[in-house]
PDB file of N, CA and C in Angstrom:
ATOM      1  N   UNK A   1     245.745 179.625 -32.871  1.00  0.00           N
ATOM      2  CA  UNK A   1     244.525 180.756 -31.740  1.00  0.00           C
ATOM      3  C   UNK A   1     244.828 182.310 -32.026  1.00  0.00           C
ATOM      4  N   UNK A   2     244.127 183.187 -32.375  1.00  0.00           N
ATOM      5  CA  UNK A   2     244.489 184.704 -32.325  1.00  0.00           C
ATOM      6  C   UNK A   2     243.129 185.111 -31.062  1.00  0.00           C
ATOM      7  N   UNK A   3     243.862 186.688 -30.461  1.00  0.00           N
ATOM      8  CA  UNK A   3     243.680 187.028 -29.654  1.00  0.00           C
ATOM      9  C   UNK A   3     242.237 188.559 -31.037  1.00  0.00           C
ATOM     10  N   UNK A   4     241.538 188.378 -30.771  1.00  0.00           N
ATOM     11  CA  UNK A   4     240.207 189.039 -31.129  1.00  0.00           C
ATOM     12  C   UNK A   4     239.696 190.042 -30.345  1.00  0.00           C
ATOM     13  N   UNK A   5     239.710 191.535 -30.845  1.00  0.00           N
ATOM     14  CA  UNK A   5     239.045 192.202 -29.949  1.00  0.00           C
ATOM     15  C   UNK A   5     238.233 193.380 -30.856  1.00  0.00           C
ATOM     16  N   UNK A   6     237.299 193.272 -29.807  1.00  0.00           N
ATOM     17  CA  UNK A   6     235.689 194.427 -30.200  1.00  0.00           C
ATOM     18  C   UNK A   6     235.741 195.110 -29.440  1.00  0.00           C
ATOM     19  N   UNK A   7     235.347 196.850 -29.944  1.00  0.00           N
ATOM     20  CA  UNK A   7     235.463 197.655 -29.893  1.00  0.00           C
ATOM     21  C   UNK A   7     234.283 198.360 -30.767  1.00  0.00           C
ATOM     22  N   UNK A   8     233.289 198.839 -29.465  1.00  0.00           N
ATOM     23  CA  UNK A   8     231.625 199.894 -30.048  1.00  0.00           C
ATOM     24  C   UNK A   8     231.697 201.104 -29.364  1.00  0.00           C
ATOM     25  N   UNK A   9     231.824 202.022 -30.179  1.00  0.00           N
ATOM     26  CA  UNK A   9     231.117 203.406 -29.355  1.00  0.00           C
ATOM     27  C   UNK A   9     229.208 203.315 -29.682  1.00  0.00           C
ATOM     28  N   UNK A  10     228.808 204.457 -29.375  1.00  0.00           N
ATOM     29  CA  UNK A  10     227.490 204.560 -29.358  1.00  0.00           C
ATOM     30  C   UNK A  10     227.320 205.492 -30.597  1.00  0.00           C
ATOM     31  N   UNK A  11     228.367 206.612 -30.804  1.00  0.00           N
ATOM     32  CA  UNK A  11     227.899 207.435 -31.994  1.00  0.00           C
ATOM     33  C   UNK A  11     230.103 208.130 -32.342  1.00  0.00           C
ATOM     34  N   UNK A  12     229.844 208.355 -33.416  1.00  0.00           N
ATOM     35  CA  UNK A  12     230.948 208.955 -33.987  1.00  0.00           C
ATOM     36  C   UNK A  12     231.450 210.067 -33.133  1.00  0.00           C
ATOM     37  N   UNK A  13     230.902 211.054 -32.326  1.00  0.00           N
ATOM     38  CA  UNK A  13     231.537 211.859 -31.283  1.00  0.00           C
ATOM     39  C   UNK A  13     232.222 210.697 -29.945  1.00  0.00           C
ATOM     40  N   UNK A  14     232.143 209.601 -29.792  1.00  0.00           N
ATOM     41  CA  UNK A  14     232.328 209.211 -28.312  1.00  0.00           C
ATOM     42  C   UNK A  14     234.269 208.842 -29.497  1.00  0.00           C
ATOM     43  N   UNK A  15     234.993 209.062 -28.317  1.00  0.00           N
ATOM     44  CA  UNK A  15     236.082 208.355 -28.273  1.00  0.00           C
ATOM     45  C   UNK A  15     236.814 206.950 -27.963  1.00  0.00           C
ATOM     46  N   UNK A  16     237.021 206.528 -28.253  1.00  0.00           N
ATOM     47  CA  UNK A  16     237.220 204.381 -28.376  1.00  0.00           C
ATOM     48  C   UNK A  16     238.213 204.381 -27.869  1.00  0.00           C
ATOM     49  N   UNK A  17     239.407 205.095 -27.808  1.00  0.00           N
ATOM     50  CA  UNK A  17     240.918 205.700 -28.062  1.00  0.00           C
ATOM     51  C   UNK A  17     241.567 204.519 -26.440  1.00  0.00           C
ATOM     52  N   UNK A  18     240.661 204.824 -25.104  1.00  0.00           N
ATOM     53  CA  UNK A  18     240.792 204.286 -24.222  1.00  0.00           C
ATOM     54  C   UNK A  18     240.807 202.240 -24.190  1.00  0.00           C
ATOM     55  N   UNK A  19     239.716 201.966 -25.052  1.00  0.00           N
ATOM     56  CA  UNK A  19     238.972 200.628 -25.424  1.00  0.00           C
ATOM     57  C   UNK A  19     240.438 200.252 -25.930  1.00  0.00           C
ATOM     58  N   UNK A  20     241.009 200.610 -27.312  1.00  0.00           N
ATOM     59  CA  UNK A  20     241.784 200.034 -28.233  1.00  0.00           C
ATOM     60  C   UNK A  20     243.081 200.244 -27.308  1.00  0.00           C
ATOM     61  N   UNK A  21     243.378 201.336 -25.934  1.00  0.00           N
ATOM     62  CA  UNK A  21     244.419 200.910 -25.953  1.00  0.00           C
ATOM     63  C   UNK A  21     244.357 199.640 -24.129  1.00  0.00           C
ATOM     64  N   UNK A  22     243.414 199.397 -24.313  1.00  0.00           N
ATOM     65  CA  UNK A  22     243.494 198.324 -22.929  1.00  0.00           C
ATOM     66  C   UNK A  22     243.486 197.182 -23.554  1.00  0.00           C
ATOM     67  N   UNK A  23     242.820 197.088 -25.146  1.00  0.00           N
ATOM     68  CA  UNK A  23     243.167 196.138 -26.085  1.00  0.00           C
ATOM     69  C   UNK A  23     244.868 196.320 -26.363  1.00  0.00           C
ATOM     70  N   UNK A  24     245.197 197.274 -26.838  1.00  0.00           N
ATOM     71  CA  UNK A  24     246.305 196.680 -27.098  1.00  0.00           C
ATOM     72  C   UNK A  24     247.712 196.379 -26.134  1.00  0.00           C
ATOM     73  N   UNK A  25     246.994 196.326 -25.185  1.00  0.00           N
ATOM     74  CA  UNK A  25     248.206 196.058 -24.263  1.00  0.00           C
ATOM     75  C   UNK A  25     248.134 194.750 -24.048  1.00  0.00           C
ATOM     76  N   UNK A  26     247.183 194.312 -24.221  1.00  0.00           N
ATOM     77  CA  UNK A  26     246.438 192.479 -23.713  1.00  0.00           C
ATOM     78  C   UNK A  26     247.482 191.849 -25.400  1.00  0.00           C
ATOM     79  N   UNK A  27     247.481 192.719 -26.401  1.00  0.00           N
ATOM     80  CA  UNK A  27     248.171 192.107 -27.775  1.00  0.00           C
ATOM     81  C   UNK A  27     247.339 191.473 -28.737  1.00  0.00           C
ATOM     82  N   UNK A  28     246.770 192.548 -29.269  1.00  0.00           N
ATOM     83  CA  UNK A  28     245.444 191.751 -30.245  1.00  0.00           C
ATOM     84  C   UNK A  28     245.691 191.302 -31.114  1.00  0.00           C
ATOM     85  N   UNK A  29     245.919 190.620 -32.073  1.00  0.00           N
ATOM     86  CA  UNK A  29     245.790 190.316 -33.136  1.00  0.00           C
ATOM     87  C   UNK A  29     245.421 190.531 -34.119  1.00  0.00           C
ATOM     88  N   UNK A  30     244.286 190.891 -34.330  1.00  0.00           N
ATOM     89  CA  UNK A  30     243.129 191.670 -34.927  1.00  0.00           C
ATOM     90  C   UNK A  30     242.257 192.167 -33.684  1.00  0.00           C
ATOM     91  N   UNK A  31     241.408 193.961 -34.162  1.00  0.00           N
ATOM     92  CA  UNK A  31     240.304 195.188 -33.638  1.00  0.00           C
ATOM     93  C   UNK A  31     239.468 195.227 -34.657  1.00  0.00           C
ATOM     94  N   UNK A  32     238.363 194.161 -34.265  1.00  0.00           N
ATOM     95  CA  UNK A  32     237.320 195.155 -34.986  1.00  0.00           C
ATOM     96  C   UNK A  32     236.188 196.598 -34.448  1.00  0.00           C
ATOM     97  N   UNK A  33     235.946 197.275 -34.717  1.00  0.00           N
ATOM     98  CA  UNK A  33     235.789 198.355 -34.526  1.00  0.00           C
ATOM     99  C   UNK A  33     234.780 198.878 -35.105  1.00  0.00           C
ATOM    100  N   UNK A  34     233.549 199.588 -34.073  1.00  0.00           N
ATOM    101  CA  UNK A  34     232.040 200.310 -34.782  1.00  0.00           C
ATOM    102  C   UNK A  34     231.904 201.291 -33.571  1.00  0.00           C
ATOM    103  N   UNK A  35     231.225 202.405 -34.498  1.00  0.00           N
ATOM    104  CA  UNK A  35     230.454 202.950 -33.840  1.00  0.00           C
ATOM    105  C   UNK A  35     228.924 203.271 -34.645  1.00  0.00           C
ATOM    106  N   UNK A  36     228.153 203.079 -33.285  1.00  0.00           N
ATOM    107  CA  UNK A  36     226.743 202.617 -33.658  1.00  0.00           C
ATOM    108  C   UNK A  36     225.999 202.666 -32.244  1.00  0.00           C
ATOM    109  N   UNK A  37     225.109 202.465 -32.852  1.00  0.00           N
ATOM    110  CA  UNK A  37     224.165 202.871 -31.023  1.00  0.00           C
ATOM    111  C   UNK A  37     224.244 200.869 -30.726  1.00  0.00           C
ATOM    112  N   UNK A  38     223.970 200.588 -29.953  1.00  0.00           N
ATOM    113  CA  UNK A  38     223.869 199.559 -28.899  1.00  0.00           C
ATOM    114  C   UNK A  38     222.019 198.970 -29.378  1.00  0.00           C
ATOM    115  N   UNK A  39     221.424 199.896 -29.718  1.00  0.00           N
ATOM    116  CA  UNK A  39     220.293 199.492 -30.068  1.00  0.00           C
ATOM    117  C   UNK A  39     220.261 198.822 -31.387  1.00  0.00           C
ATOM    118  N   UNK A  40     220.659 199.154 -32.444  1.00  0.00           N
ATOM    119  CA  UNK A  40     220.580 198.736 -33.333  1.00  0.00           C
ATOM    120  C   UNK A  40     221.508 197.454 -33.460  1.00  0.00           C
ATOM    121  N   UNK A  41     220.781 196.530 -34.535  1.00  0.00           N
ATOM    122  CA  UNK A  41     220.592 195.359 -34.423  1.00  0.00           C
ATOM    123  C   UNK A  41     222.136 194.926 -35.575  1.00  0.00           C
ATOM    124  N   UNK A  42     221.970 195.558 -36.368  1.00  0.00           N
ATOM    125  CA  UNK A  42     222.627 195.386 -37.604  1.00  0.00           C
ATOM    126  C   UNK A  42     224.171 195.812 -37.668  1.00  0.00           C
ATOM    127  N   UNK A  43     224.581 195.448 -36.902  1.00  0.00           N
ATOM    128  CA  UNK A  43     226.340 195.684 -36.672  1.00  0.00           C
ATOM    129  C   UNK A  43     227.427 194.960 -37.398  1.00  0.00           C
ATOM    130  N   UNK A  44     227.842 195.176 -39.003  1.00  0.00           N
ATOM    131  CA  UNK A  44     228.465 194.944 -39.719  1.00  0.00           C
ATOM    132  C   UNK A  44     230.051 194.499 -39.203  1.00  0.00           C
ATOM    133  N   UNK A  45     230.806 194.965 -38.264  1.00  0.00           N
ATOM    134  CA  UNK A  45     231.721 194.462 -37.824  1.00  0.00           C
ATOM    135  C   UNK A  45     231.807 193.025 -36.662  1.00  0.00           C
ATOM    136  N   UNK A  46     230.807 193.587 -35.829  1.00  0.00           N
ATOM    137  CA  UNK A  46     230.352 191.999 -35.143  1.00  0.00           C
ATOM    138  C   UNK A  46     230.175 190.594 -35.910  1.00  0.00           C
ATOM    139  N   UNK A  47     228.802 190.962 -36.649  1.00  0.00           N
ATOM    140  CA  UNK A  47     229.287 189.896 -37.864  1.00  0.00           C
ATOM    141  C   UNK A  47     230.197 189.084 -38.748  1.00  0.00           C
ATOM    142  N   UNK A  48     231.040 190.494 -38.877  1.00  0.00           N
ATOM    143  CA  UNK A  48     232.527 190.206 -39.847  1.00  0.00           C
ATOM    144  C   UNK A  48     232.997 189.194 -38.223  1.00  0.00           C
ATOM    145  N   UNK A  49     233.430 189.898 -37.685  1.00  0.00           N
ATOM    146  CA  UNK A  49     233.969 189.018 -36.137  1.00  0.00           C
ATOM    147  C   UNK A  49     233.612 187.412 -36.256  1.00  0.00           C
ATOM    148  N   UNK A  50     232.596 187.987 -36.292  1.00  0.00           N
ATOM    149  CA  UNK A  50     232.251 186.251 -35.557  1.00  0.00           C
ATOM    150  C   UNK A  50     232.326 185.198 -36.877  1.00  0.00           C
ATOM    151  N   UNK A  51     232.249 186.155 -38.110  1.00  0.00           N
ATOM    152  CA  UNK A  51     232.361 184.988 -39.452  1.00  0.00           C
ATOM    153  C   UNK A  51     233.582 184.670 -39.580  1.00  0.00           C
ATOM    154  N   UNK A  52     234.559 185.926 -38.644  1.00  0.00           N
ATOM    155  CA  UNK A  52     236.341 184.838 -38.903  1.00  0.00           C
ATOM    156  C   UNK A  52     236.142 184.501 -38.065  1.00  0.00           C
ATOM    157  N   UNK A  53     235.698 184.444 -37.118  1.00  0.00           N
ATOM    158  CA  UNK A  53     236.443 183.440 -35.666  1.00  0.00           C
ATOM    159  C   UNK A  53     236.584 181.683 -36.136  1.00  0.00           C
ATOM    160  N   UNK A  54     237.423 181.697 -35.252  1.00  0.00           N
ATOM    161  CA  UNK A  54     238.544 179.943 -35.624  1.00  0.00           C
ATOM    162  C   UNK A  54     238.141 179.595 -34.381  1.00  0.00           C
ATOM    163  N   UNK A  55     238.095 177.839 -34.817  1.00  0.00           N
ATOM    164  CA  UNK A  55     238.709 176.782 -32.885  1.00  0.00           C
ATOM    165  C   UNK A  55     239.809 177.357 -32.471  1.00  0.00           C
ATOM    166  N   UNK A  56     239.171 178.331 -31.140  1.00  0.00           N
ATOM    167  CA  UNK A  56     240.489 178.254 -30.280  1.00  0.00           C
ATOM    168  C   UNK A  56     240.971 179.654 -30.367  1.00  0.00           C
ATOM    169  N   UNK A  57     240.110 180.302 -31.123  1.00  0.00           N
ATOM    170  CA  UNK A  57     240.091 181.810 -31.196  1.00  0.00           C
ATOM    171  C   UNK A  57     239.696 182.593 -29.429  1.00  0.00           C
ATOM    172  N   UNK A  58     240.181 184.048 -29.007  1.00  0.00           N
ATOM    173  CA  UNK A  58     239.421 184.144 -28.422  1.00  0.00           C
ATOM    174  C   UNK A  58     239.088 185.873 -28.472  1.00  0.00           C
ATOM    175  N   UNK A  59     237.903 186.246 -27.987  1.00  0.00           N
ATOM    176  CA  UNK A  59     237.330 187.615 -28.486  1.00  0.00           C
ATOM    177  C   UNK A  59     237.396 188.181 -26.687  1.00  0.00           C
ATOM    178  N   UNK A  60     237.792 189.564 -26.952  1.00  0.00           N
ATOM    179  CA  UNK A  60     237.987 190.608 -25.649  1.00  0.00           C
ATOM    180  C   UNK A  60     236.746 191.202 -25.951  1.00  0.00           C
ATOM    181  N   UNK A  61     236.070 191.846 -25.531  1.00  0.00           N
ATOM    182  CA  UNK A  61     234.694 192.836 -25.769  1.00  0.00           C
ATOM    183  C   UNK A  61     235.001 193.930 -25.107  1.00  0.00           C
TER     184      UNK A  61
END
């Protein structure tokens, strides 16, 4: 069982550090990050996370 985090901000000018800090406090095994608009449907890291997901893994968003 892995703890998996997913961090997304809407633009490259936004800072995801508070999201990373919260996830690291929980103790993530891996964190996927994207800097892309929520309106965009092609989210490469989200798709990679879902492909890597195994039974029993926990996702934190």
